[in-house]
């Protein structure tokens, strides 16, 4: 039972952090894409191609149609932006993530 309590505590902290960042209204797939893009950008530079995202451990079990639907939604909401006019689909973090949420500003 101690393990379940630890998982509960971790999820509670995670939900609070997501809320603080303004991510609490996103679907699980949208959050996974954002985390994957952030992780890949830290390693490979700010521009991430969709095929790189699809190979990320957080997204390997997400159906292709669900992935593209969530990706399009993140672009529409300003969390991601298309990066240039390349032949492949490339994205970077959007202004919505670079700017802190209004409720966290002092």
PDB file of N, CA and C in Angstrom:
ATOM      1  N   UNK A   1       0.804  -1.197   0.000  1.00  0.00           N
ATOM      2  CA  UNK A   1       0.000   0.000   0.000  1.00  0.00           C
ATOM      3  C   UNK A   1       0.853   1.270   0.000  1.00  0.00           C
ATOM      4  N   UNK A   2       2.054   1.188   0.539  1.00  0.00           N
ATOM      5  CA  UNK A   2       2.938   2.354   0.556  1.00  0.00           C
ATOM      6  C   UNK A   2       3.278   2.787  -0.869  1.00  0.00           C
ATOM      7  N   UNK A   3       3.405   1.809  -1.784  1.00  0.00           N
ATOM      8  CA  UNK A   3       3.694   2.139  -3.173  1.00  0.00           C
ATOM      9  C   UNK A   3       2.540   2.917  -3.806  1.00  0.00           C
ATOM     10  N   UNK A   4       1.308   2.533  -3.492  1.00  0.00           N
ATOM     11  CA  UNK A   4       0.153   3.250  -4.019  1.00  0.00           C
ATOM     12  C   UNK A   4       0.113   4.675  -3.474  1.00  0.00           C
ATOM     13  N   UNK A   5       0.460   4.836  -2.215  1.00  0.00           N
ATOM     14  CA  UNK A   5       0.493   6.175  -1.620  1.00  0.00           C
ATOM     15  C   UNK A   5       1.551   7.033  -2.305  1.00  0.00           C
ATOM     16  N   UNK A   6       2.703   6.447  -2.612  1.00  0.00           N
ATOM     17  CA  UNK A   6       3.766   7.186  -3.301  1.00  0.00           C
ATOM     18  C   UNK A   6       3.309   7.615  -4.697  1.00  0.00           C
ATOM     19  N   UNK A   7       2.626   6.727  -5.400  1.00  0.00           N
ATOM     20  CA  UNK A   7       2.103   7.062  -6.730  1.00  0.00           C
ATOM     21  C   UNK A   7       1.068   8.171  -6.620  1.00  0.00           C
ATOM     22  N   UNK A   8       0.195   8.075  -5.627  1.00  0.00           N
ATOM     23  CA  UNK A   8      -0.798   9.120  -5.406  1.00  0.00           C
ATOM     24  C   UNK A   8      -0.128  10.468  -5.171  1.00  0.00           C
ATOM     25  N   UNK A   9       0.885  10.501  -4.322  1.00  0.00           N
ATOM     26  CA  UNK A   9       1.587  11.748  -4.015  1.00  0.00           C
ATOM     27  C   UNK A   9       2.254  12.324  -5.268  1.00  0.00           C
ATOM     28  N   UNK A  10       2.898  11.459  -6.057  1.00  0.00           N
ATOM     29  CA  UNK A  10       3.541  11.914  -7.292  1.00  0.00           C
ATOM     30  C   UNK A  10       2.524  12.497  -8.267  1.00  0.00           C
ATOM     31  N   UNK A  11       1.399  11.827  -8.438  1.00  0.00           N
ATOM     32  CA  UNK A  11       0.375  12.326  -9.358  1.00  0.00           C
ATOM     33  C   UNK A  11      -0.226  13.634  -8.864  1.00  0.00           C
ATOM     34  N   UNK A  12      -0.379  13.770  -7.575  1.00  0.00           N
ATOM     35  CA  UNK A  12      -0.901  15.021  -7.019  1.00  0.00           C
ATOM     36  C   UNK A  12       0.046  16.181  -7.306  1.00  0.00           C
ATOM     37  N   UNK A  13       1.328  15.956  -7.097  1.00  0.00           N
ATOM     38  CA  UNK A  13       2.329  16.988  -7.373  1.00  0.00           C
ATOM     39  C   UNK A  13       2.361  17.304  -8.863  1.00  0.00           C
ATOM     40  N   UNK A  14       2.310  16.279  -9.702  1.00  0.00           N
ATOM     41  CA  UNK A  14       2.330  16.472 -11.148  1.00  0.00           C
ATOM     42  C   UNK A  14       1.128  17.292 -11.610  1.00  0.00           C
ATOM     43  N   UNK A  15      -0.051  16.977 -11.119  1.00  0.00           N
ATOM     44  CA  UNK A  15      -1.252  17.739 -11.493  1.00  0.00           C
ATOM     45  C   UNK A  15      -1.151  19.190 -11.078  1.00  0.00           C
ATOM     46  N   UNK A  16      -0.594  19.445  -9.913  1.00  0.00           N
ATOM     47  CA  UNK A  16      -0.423  20.828  -9.465  1.00  0.00           C
ATOM     48  C   UNK A  16       0.568  21.564 -10.363  1.00  0.00           C
ATOM     49  N   UNK A  17       1.655  20.907 -10.725  1.00  0.00           N
ATOM     50  CA  UNK A  17       2.643  21.528 -11.612  1.00  0.00           C
ATOM     51  C   UNK A  17       2.034  21.811 -12.988  1.00  0.00           C
ATOM     52  N   UNK A  18       1.260  20.868 -13.517  1.00  0.00           N
ATOM     53  CA  UNK A  18       0.595  21.080 -14.806  1.00  0.00           C
ATOM     54  C   UNK A  18      -0.365  22.260 -14.728  1.00  0.00           C
ATOM     55  N   UNK A  19      -1.079  22.365 -13.635  1.00  0.00           N
ATOM     56  CA  UNK A  19      -1.996  23.480 -13.439  1.00  0.00           C
ATOM     57  C   UNK A  19      -1.236  24.803 -13.374  1.00  0.00           C
ATOM     58  N   UNK A  20      -0.133  24.810 -12.646  1.00  0.00           N
ATOM     59  CA  UNK A  20       0.679  26.021 -12.519  1.00  0.00           C
ATOM     60  C   UNK A  20       1.211  26.487 -13.872  1.00  0.00           C
ATOM     61  N   UNK A  21       1.483  25.545 -14.767  1.00  0.00           N
ATOM     62  CA  UNK A  21       1.998  25.875 -16.099  1.00  0.00           C
ATOM     63  C   UNK A  21       0.891  26.115 -17.119  1.00  0.00           C
ATOM     64  N   UNK A  22      -0.361  25.935 -16.700  1.00  0.00           N
ATOM     65  CA  UNK A  22      -1.474  26.124 -17.618  1.00  0.00           C
ATOM     66  C   UNK A  22      -1.690  24.958 -18.560  1.00  0.00           C
ATOM     67  N   UNK A  23      -1.216  23.780 -18.174  1.00  0.00           N
ATOM     68  CA  UNK A  23      -1.335  22.593 -19.026  1.00  0.00           C
ATOM     69  C   UNK A  23      -2.474  21.682 -18.610  1.00  0.00           C
ATOM     70  N   UNK A  24      -3.194  22.025 -17.565  1.00  0.00           N
ATOM     71  CA  UNK A  24      -4.214  21.132 -17.021  1.00  0.00           C
ATOM     72  C   UNK A  24      -5.402  20.938 -17.956  1.00  0.00           C
ATOM     73  N   UNK A  25      -5.577  21.794 -18.950  1.00  0.00           N
ATOM     74  CA  UNK A  25      -6.675  21.639 -19.902  1.00  0.00           C
ATOM     75  C   UNK A  25      -6.323  20.806 -21.120  1.00  0.00           C
ATOM     76  N   UNK A  26      -5.089  20.319 -21.183  1.00  0.00           N
ATOM     77  CA  UNK A  26      -4.653  19.528 -22.339  1.00  0.00           C
ATOM     78  C   UNK A  26      -4.931  18.047 -22.124  1.00  0.00           C
ATOM     79  N   UNK A  27      -5.114  17.343 -23.227  1.00  0.00           N
ATOM     80  CA  UNK A  27      -5.308  15.889 -23.159  1.00  0.00           C
ATOM     81  C   UNK A  27      -3.985  15.203 -22.817  1.00  0.00           C
ATOM     82  N   UNK A  28      -4.061  13.954 -22.453  1.00  0.00           N
ATOM     83  CA  UNK A  28      -2.853  13.179 -22.130  1.00  0.00           C
ATOM     84  C   UNK A  28      -1.917  13.122 -23.340  1.00  0.00           C
ATOM     85  N   UNK A  29      -2.472  12.934 -24.540  1.00  0.00           N
ATOM     86  CA  UNK A  29      -1.633  12.891 -25.740  1.00  0.00           C
ATOM     87  C   UNK A  29      -0.969  14.237 -26.002  1.00  0.00           C
ATOM     88  N   UNK A  30      -1.697  15.329 -25.793  1.00  0.00           N
ATOM     89  CA  UNK A  30      -1.114  16.655 -25.995  1.00  0.00           C
ATOM     90  C   UNK A  30       0.039  16.893 -25.014  1.00  0.00           C
ATOM     91  N   UNK A  31      -0.153  16.505 -23.767  1.00  0.00           N
ATOM     92  CA  UNK A  31       0.912  16.662 -22.776  1.00  0.00           C
ATOM     93  C   UNK A  31       2.127  15.812 -23.141  1.00  0.00           C
ATOM     94  N   UNK A  32       1.892  14.601 -23.615  1.00  0.00           N
ATOM     95  CA  UNK A  32       3.006  13.727 -24.000  1.00  0.00           C
ATOM     96  C   UNK A  32       3.783  14.312 -25.170  1.00  0.00           C
ATOM     97  N   UNK A  33       3.084  14.899 -26.134  1.00  0.00           N
ATOM     98  CA  UNK A  33       3.763  15.520 -27.271  1.00  0.00           C
ATOM     99  C   UNK A  33       4.606  16.698 -26.790  1.00  0.00           C
ATOM    100  N   UNK A  34       4.043  17.547 -25.942  1.00  0.00           N
ATOM    101  CA  UNK A  34       4.801  18.695 -25.432  1.00  0.00           C
ATOM    102  C   UNK A  34       6.061  18.259 -24.688  1.00  0.00           C
ATOM    103  N   UNK A  35       5.923  17.248 -23.858  1.00  0.00           N
ATOM    104  CA  UNK A  35       7.079  16.753 -23.111  1.00  0.00           C
ATOM    105  C   UNK A  35       8.119  16.149 -24.044  1.00  0.00           C
ATOM    106  N   UNK A  36       7.668  15.432 -25.062  1.00  0.00           N
ATOM    107  CA  UNK A  36       8.592  14.848 -26.033  1.00  0.00           C
ATOM    108  C   UNK A  36       9.324  15.937 -26.812  1.00  0.00           C
ATOM    109  N   UNK A  37       8.591  16.962 -27.269  1.00  0.00           N
ATOM    110  CA  UNK A  37       9.221  18.057 -28.009  1.00  0.00           C
ATOM    111  C   UNK A  37      10.240  18.767 -27.125  1.00  0.00           C
ATOM    112  N   UNK A  38       9.865  19.040 -25.897  1.00  0.00           N
ATOM    113  CA  UNK A  38      10.800  19.691 -24.969  1.00  0.00           C
ATOM    114  C   UNK A  38      12.057  18.841 -24.786  1.00  0.00           C
ATOM    115  N   UNK A  39      11.878  17.559 -24.552  1.00  0.00           N
ATOM    116  CA  UNK A  39      13.003  16.656 -24.339  1.00  0.00           C
ATOM    117  C   UNK A  39      13.899  16.579 -25.571  1.00  0.00           C
ATOM    118  N   UNK A  40      13.294  16.438 -26.741  1.00  0.00           N
ATOM    119  CA  UNK A  40      14.068  16.366 -27.986  1.00  0.00           C
ATOM    120  C   UNK A  40      14.772  17.679 -28.286  1.00  0.00           C
ATOM    121  N   UNK A  41      14.117  18.801 -27.998  1.00  0.00           N
ATOM    122  CA  UNK A  41      14.728  20.109 -28.242  1.00  0.00           C
ATOM    123  C   UNK A  41      15.930  20.334 -27.334  1.00  0.00           C
ATOM    124  N   UNK A  42      15.866  19.839 -26.109  1.00  0.00           N
ATOM    125  CA  UNK A  42      16.993  19.961 -25.188  1.00  0.00           C
ATOM    126  C   UNK A  42      18.214  19.208 -25.719  1.00  0.00           C
ATOM    127  N   UNK A  43      17.970  18.093 -26.399  1.00  0.00           N
ATOM    128  CA  UNK A  43      19.046  17.239 -26.885  1.00  0.00           C
ATOM    129  C   UNK A  43      19.503  17.616 -28.286  1.00  0.00           C
ATOM    130  N   UNK A  44      18.539  17.914 -29.187  1.00  0.00           N
ATOM    131  CA  UNK A  44      18.842  18.052 -30.614  1.00  0.00           C
ATOM    132  C   UNK A  44      18.709  19.461 -31.163  1.00  0.00           C
ATOM    133  N   UNK A  45      18.346  20.411 -30.343  1.00  0.00           N
ATOM    134  CA  UNK A  45      18.117  21.766 -30.829  1.00  0.00           C
ATOM    135  C   UNK A  45      16.636  22.083 -30.864  1.00  0.00           C
ATOM    136  N   UNK A  46      16.292  23.359 -31.081  1.00  0.00           N
ATOM    137  CA  UNK A  46      14.910  23.812 -30.896  1.00  0.00           C
ATOM    138  C   UNK A  46      13.895  23.316 -31.926  1.00  0.00           C
ATOM    139  N   UNK A  47      14.345  22.852 -33.069  1.00  0.00           N
ATOM    140  CA  UNK A  47      13.418  22.386 -34.106  1.00  0.00           C
ATOM    141  C   UNK A  47      13.355  20.863 -34.071  1.00  0.00           C
ATOM    142  N   UNK A  48      12.117  20.352 -33.968  1.00  0.00           N
ATOM    143  CA  UNK A  48      11.897  18.909 -33.836  1.00  0.00           C
ATOM    144  C   UNK A  48      10.978  18.455 -34.966  1.00  0.00           C
ATOM    145  N   UNK A  49      11.386  17.427 -35.666  1.00  0.00           N
ATOM    146  CA  UNK A  49      10.571  16.896 -36.757  1.00  0.00           C
ATOM    147  C   UNK A  49       9.579  15.878 -36.214  1.00  0.00           C
ATOM    148  N   UNK A  50       8.440  15.772 -36.898  1.00  0.00           N
ATOM    149  CA  UNK A  50       7.370  14.901 -36.397  1.00  0.00           C
ATOM    150  C   UNK A  50       7.821  13.446 -36.308  1.00  0.00           C
ATOM    151  N   UNK A  51       8.684  12.993 -37.219  1.00  0.00           N
ATOM    152  CA  UNK A  51       9.135  11.603 -37.146  1.00  0.00           C
ATOM    153  C   UNK A  51       9.960  11.364 -35.888  1.00  0.00           C
ATOM    154  N   UNK A  52      10.678  12.406 -35.409  1.00  0.00           N
ATOM    155  CA  UNK A  52      11.425  12.276 -34.152  1.00  0.00           C
ATOM    156  C   UNK A  52      10.465  12.129 -32.980  1.00  0.00           C
ATOM    157  N   UNK A  53       9.400  12.910 -33.009  1.00  0.00           N
ATOM    158  CA  UNK A  53       8.393  12.816 -31.949  1.00  0.00           C
ATOM    159  C   UNK A  53       7.794  11.418 -31.905  1.00  0.00           C
ATOM    160  N   UNK A  54       7.432  10.910 -33.080  1.00  0.00           N
ATOM    161  CA  UNK A  54       6.765   9.596 -33.155  1.00  0.00           C
ATOM    162  C   UNK A  54       7.639   8.497 -32.561  1.00  0.00           C
ATOM    163  N   UNK A  55       8.947   8.663 -32.631  1.00  0.00           N
ATOM    164  CA  UNK A  55       9.875   7.646 -32.106  1.00  0.00           C
ATOM    165  C   UNK A  55      10.149   7.808 -30.612  1.00  0.00           C
ATOM    166  N   UNK A  56       9.705   8.902 -30.022  1.00  0.00           N
ATOM    167  CA  UNK A  56       9.981   9.173 -28.604  1.00  0.00           C
ATOM    168  C   UNK A  56       9.236   8.166 -27.733  1.00  0.00           C
ATOM    169  N   UNK A  57       9.846   7.792 -26.637  1.00  0.00           N
ATOM    170  CA  UNK A  57       9.276   6.785 -25.734  1.00  0.00           C
ATOM    171  C   UNK A  57       7.891   7.180 -25.209  1.00  0.00           C
ATOM    172  N   UNK A  58       7.643   8.471 -25.028  1.00  0.00           N
ATOM    173  CA  UNK A  58       6.338   8.908 -24.526  1.00  0.00           C
ATOM    174  C   UNK A  58       5.226   8.767 -25.557  1.00  0.00           C
ATOM    175  N   UNK A  59       5.591   8.608 -26.821  1.00  0.00           N
ATOM    176  CA  UNK A  59       4.593   8.601 -27.889  1.00  0.00           C
ATOM    177  C   UNK A  59       4.533   7.300 -28.673  1.00  0.00           C
ATOM    178  N   UNK A  60       5.335   6.332 -28.308  1.00  0.00           N
ATOM    179  CA  UNK A  60       5.403   5.120 -29.111  1.00  0.00           C
ATOM    180  C   UNK A  60       4.107   4.309 -29.117  1.00  0.00           C
ATOM    181  N   UNK A  61       3.247   4.489 -28.126  1.00  0.00           N
ATOM    182  CA  UNK A  61       1.986   3.735 -28.079  1.00  0.00           C
ATOM    183  C   UNK A  61       0.776   4.559 -28.513  1.00  0.00           C
ATOM    184  N   UNK A  62       1.005   5.800 -28.942  1.00  0.00           N
ATOM    185  CA  UNK A  62      -0.084   6.662 -29.393  1.00  0.00           C
ATOM    186  C   UNK A  62      -0.369   6.364 -30.858  1.00  0.00           C
ATOM    187  N   UNK A  63      -1.632   6.103 -31.173  1.00  0.00           N
ATOM    188  CA  UNK A  63      -2.025   5.824 -32.561  1.00  0.00           C
ATOM    189  C   UNK A  63      -1.693   7.027 -33.445  1.00  0.00           C
ATOM    190  N   UNK A  64      -1.361   6.743 -34.699  1.00  0.00           N
ATOM    191  CA  UNK A  64      -0.946   7.795 -35.620  1.00  0.00           C
ATOM    192  C   UNK A  64      -2.000   8.891 -35.766  1.00  0.00           C
ATOM    193  N   UNK A  65      -3.256   8.490 -35.926  1.00  0.00           N
ATOM    194  CA  UNK A  65      -4.323   9.493 -36.079  1.00  0.00           C
ATOM    195  C   UNK A  65      -4.457  10.354 -34.820  1.00  0.00           C
ATOM    196  N   UNK A  66      -4.354   9.739 -33.662  1.00  0.00           N
ATOM    197  CA  UNK A  66      -4.435  10.482 -32.396  1.00  0.00           C
ATOM    198  C   UNK A  66      -3.252  11.432 -32.251  1.00  0.00           C
ATOM    199  N   UNK A  67      -2.081  10.978 -32.663  1.00  0.00           N
ATOM    200  CA  UNK A  67      -0.884  11.810 -32.618  1.00  0.00           C
ATOM    201  C   UNK A  67      -1.072  13.061 -33.469  1.00  0.00           C
ATOM    202  N   UNK A  68      -1.509  12.886 -34.710  1.00  0.00           N
ATOM    203  CA  UNK A  68      -1.663  14.030 -35.611  1.00  0.00           C
ATOM    204  C   UNK A  68      -2.779  14.974 -35.158  1.00  0.00           C
ATOM    205  N   UNK A  69      -3.833  14.420 -34.612  1.00  0.00           N
ATOM    206  CA  UNK A  69      -4.931  15.247 -34.088  1.00  0.00           C
ATOM    207  C   UNK A  69      -4.426  16.109 -32.910  1.00  0.00           C
ATOM    208  N   UNK A  70      -3.686  15.503 -31.999  1.00  0.00           N
ATOM    209  CA  UNK A  70      -3.154  16.227 -30.843  1.00  0.00           C
ATOM    210  C   UNK A  70      -2.103  17.249 -31.277  1.00  0.00           C
ATOM    211  N   UNK A  71      -1.277  16.894 -32.243  1.00  0.00           N
ATOM    212  CA  UNK A  71      -0.257  17.811 -32.748  1.00  0.00           C
ATOM    213  C   UNK A  71      -0.906  19.049 -33.368  1.00  0.00           C
ATOM    214  N   UNK A  72      -1.913  18.824 -34.191  1.00  0.00           N
ATOM    215  CA  UNK A  72      -2.647  19.936 -34.822  1.00  0.00           C
ATOM    216  C   UNK A  72      -3.301  20.817 -33.748  1.00  0.00           C
ATOM    217  N   UNK A  73      -3.857  20.192 -32.726  1.00  0.00           N
ATOM    218  CA  UNK A  73      -4.495  20.935 -31.639  1.00  0.00           C
ATOM    219  C   UNK A  73      -3.485  21.815 -30.897  1.00  0.00           C
ATOM    220  N   UNK A  74      -2.297  21.293 -30.649  1.00  0.00           N
ATOM    221  CA  UNK A  74      -1.260  22.067 -29.960  1.00  0.00           C
ATOM    222  C   UNK A  74      -0.814  23.274 -30.779  1.00  0.00           C
ATOM    223  N   UNK A  75      -0.752  23.106 -32.095  1.00  0.00           N
ATOM    224  CA  UNK A  75      -0.406  24.233 -32.964  1.00  0.00           C
ATOM    225  C   UNK A  75      -1.525  25.270 -32.911  1.00  0.00           C
ATOM    226  N   UNK A  76      -2.765  24.811 -33.014  1.00  0.00           N
ATOM    227  CA  UNK A  76      -3.915  25.724 -32.977  1.00  0.00           C
ATOM    228  C   UNK A  76      -3.985  26.500 -31.657  1.00  0.00           C
ATOM    229  N   UNK A  77      -3.595  25.849 -30.555  1.00  0.00           N
ATOM    230  CA  UNK A  77      -3.662  26.479 -29.230  1.00  0.00           C
ATOM    231  C   UNK A  77      -2.433  27.326 -28.915  1.00  0.00           C
ATOM    232  N   UNK A  78      -1.398  27.274 -29.759  1.00  0.00           N
ATOM    233  CA  UNK A  78      -0.207  28.091 -29.556  1.00  0.00           C
ATOM    234  C   UNK A  78       0.890  27.461 -28.721  1.00  0.00           C
ATOM    235  N   UNK A  79       0.729  26.180 -28.359  1.00  0.00           N
ATOM    236  CA  UNK A  79       1.777  25.512 -27.589  1.00  0.00           C
ATOM    237  C   UNK A  79       2.959  25.101 -28.457  1.00  0.00           C
ATOM    238  N   UNK A  80       2.691  24.825 -29.723  1.00  0.00           N
ATOM    239  CA  UNK A  80       3.726  24.506 -30.700  1.00  0.00           C
ATOM    240  C   UNK A  80       3.526  25.405 -31.910  1.00  0.00           C
ATOM    241  N   UNK A  81       4.605  25.585 -32.669  1.00  0.00           N
ATOM    242  CA  UNK A  81       4.478  26.317 -33.930  1.00  0.00           C
ATOM    243  C   UNK A  81       5.252  25.564 -34.998  1.00  0.00           C
ATOM    244  N   UNK A  82       4.752  25.662 -36.231  1.00  0.00           N
ATOM    245  CA  UNK A  82       5.451  25.044 -37.342  1.00  0.00           C
ATOM    246  C   UNK A  82       6.754  25.798 -37.562  1.00  0.00           C
ATOM    247  N   UNK A  83       7.793  25.055 -37.847  1.00  0.00           N
ATOM    248  CA  UNK A  83       9.122  25.644 -38.023  1.00  0.00           C
ATOM    249  C   UNK A  83       9.471  25.696 -39.503  1.00  0.00           C
ATOM    250  N   UNK A  84       9.266  26.846 -40.099  1.00  0.00           N
ATOM    251  CA  UNK A  84       9.680  27.049 -41.481  1.00  0.00           C
ATOM    252  C   UNK A  84       8.872  26.276 -42.496  1.00  0.00           C
ATOM    253  N   UNK A  85       9.306  26.396 -43.707  1.00  0.00           N
ATOM    254  CA  UNK A  85       8.648  25.746 -44.844  1.00  0.00           C
ATOM    255  C   UNK A  85       9.486  24.574 -45.331  1.00  0.00           C
ATOM    256  N   UNK A  86       9.764  23.645 -44.453  1.00  0.00           N
ATOM    257  CA  UNK A  86      10.563  22.488 -44.830  1.00  0.00           C
ATOM    258  C   UNK A  86       9.672  21.415 -45.430  1.00  0.00           C
ATOM    259  N   UNK A  87      10.301  20.505 -46.163  1.00  0.00           N
ATOM    260  CA  UNK A  87       9.553  19.414 -46.776  1.00  0.00           C
ATOM    261  C   UNK A  87       8.973  18.481 -45.705  1.00  0.00           C
ATOM    262  N   UNK A  88       9.740  18.258 -44.657  1.00  0.00           N
ATOM    263  CA  UNK A  88       9.238  17.449 -43.544  1.00  0.00           C
ATOM    264  C   UNK A  88       8.527  18.363 -42.561  1.00  0.00           C
ATOM    265  N   UNK A  89       7.675  17.803 -41.759  1.00  0.00           N
ATOM    266  CA  UNK A  89       6.941  18.572 -40.759  1.00  0.00           C
ATOM    267  C   UNK A  89       7.839  18.786 -39.544  1.00  0.00           C
ATOM    268  N   UNK A  90       8.164  20.036 -39.288  1.00  0.00           N
ATOM    269  CA  UNK A  90       9.034  20.375 -38.169  1.00  0.00           C
ATOM    270  C   UNK A  90       8.323  21.396 -37.288  1.00  0.00           C
ATOM    271  N   UNK A  91       8.582  21.318 -35.982  1.00  0.00           N
ATOM    272  CA  UNK A  91       7.897  22.153 -35.006  1.00  0.00           C
ATOM    273  C   UNK A  91       8.880  22.641 -33.950  1.00  0.00           C
ATOM    274  N   UNK A  92       8.494  23.703 -33.274  1.00  0.00           N
ATOM    275  CA  UNK A  92       9.233  24.181 -32.111  1.00  0.00           C
ATOM    276  C   UNK A  92       8.211  24.598 -31.062  1.00  0.00           C
ATOM    277  N   UNK A  93       8.684  24.832 -29.849  1.00  0.00           N
ATOM    278  CA  UNK A  93       7.784  25.253 -28.792  1.00  0.00           C
ATOM    279  C   UNK A  93       7.188  26.608 -29.142  1.00  0.00           C
ATOM    280  N   UNK A  94       5.901  26.778 -28.861  1.00  0.00           N
ATOM    281  CA  UNK A  94       5.206  28.007 -29.182  1.00  0.00           C
ATOM    282  C   UNK A  94       5.323  29.051 -28.089  1.00  0.00           C
ATOM    283  N   UNK A  95       4.853  30.242 -28.399  1.00  0.00           N
ATOM    284  CA  UNK A  95       4.910  31.362 -27.463  1.00  0.00           C
ATOM    285  C   UNK A  95       4.159  31.076 -26.171  1.00  0.00           C
ATOM    286  N   UNK A  96       3.125  30.260 -26.248  1.00  0.00           N
ATOM    287  CA  UNK A  96       2.326  29.976 -25.054  1.00  0.00           C
ATOM    288  C   UNK A  96       3.155  29.290 -23.970  1.00  0.00           C
ATOM    289  N   UNK A  97       4.169  28.530 -24.380  1.00  0.00           N
ATOM    290  CA  UNK A  97       5.034  27.869 -23.394  1.00  0.00           C
ATOM    291  C   UNK A  97       6.193  28.752 -22.979  1.00  0.00           C
ATOM    292  N   UNK A  98       6.583  29.652 -23.842  1.00  0.00           N
ATOM    293  CA  UNK A  98       7.704  30.527 -23.523  1.00  0.00           C
ATOM    294  C   UNK A  98       7.263  31.605 -22.542  1.00  0.00           C
ATOM    295  N   UNK A  99       6.043  32.116 -22.721  1.00  0.00           N
ATOM    296  CA  UNK A  99       5.473  33.106 -21.813  1.00  0.00           C
ATOM    297  C   UNK A  99       4.862  32.389 -20.617  1.00  0.00           C
ATOM    298  N   UNK A 100       5.126  32.837 -19.380  1.00  0.00           N
ATOM    299  CA  UNK A 100       4.491  32.199 -18.223  1.00  0.00           C
ATOM    300  C   UNK A 100       2.998  32.470 -18.223  1.00  0.00           C
ATOM    301  N   UNK A 101       2.196  31.543 -17.712  1.00  0.00           N
ATOM    302  CA  UNK A 101       0.745  31.761 -17.626  1.00  0.00           C
ATOM    303  C   UNK A 101       0.438  33.002 -16.784  1.00  0.00           C
ATOM    304  N   UNK A 102      -0.673  33.641 -17.077  1.00  0.00           N
ATOM    305  CA  UNK A 102      -1.051  34.879 -16.394  1.00  0.00           C
ATOM    306  C   UNK A 102      -1.168  34.661 -14.896  1.00  0.00           C
ATOM    307  N   UNK A 103      -1.715  33.521 -14.468  1.00  0.00           N
ATOM    308  CA  UNK A 103      -1.936  33.300 -13.035  1.00  0.00           C
ATOM    309  C   UNK A 103      -0.637  33.067 -12.267  1.00  0.00           C
ATOM    310  N   UNK A 104       0.501  32.886 -12.962  1.00  0.00           N
ATOM    311  CA  UNK A 104       1.763  32.668 -12.254  1.00  0.00           C
ATOM    312  C   UNK A 104       2.646  33.912 -12.253  1.00  0.00           C
ATOM    313  N   UNK A 105       2.204  34.979 -12.934  1.00  0.00           N
ATOM    314  CA  UNK A 105       2.982  36.209 -12.955  1.00  0.00           C
ATOM    315  C   UNK A 105       2.785  36.984 -11.662  1.00  0.00           C
ATOM    316  N   UNK A 106       3.820  37.684 -11.267  1.00  0.00           N
ATOM    317  CA  UNK A 106       3.757  38.481 -10.032  1.00  0.00           C
ATOM    318  C   UNK A 106       3.496  39.930 -10.373  1.00  0.00           C
TER     319      UNK A 106
END
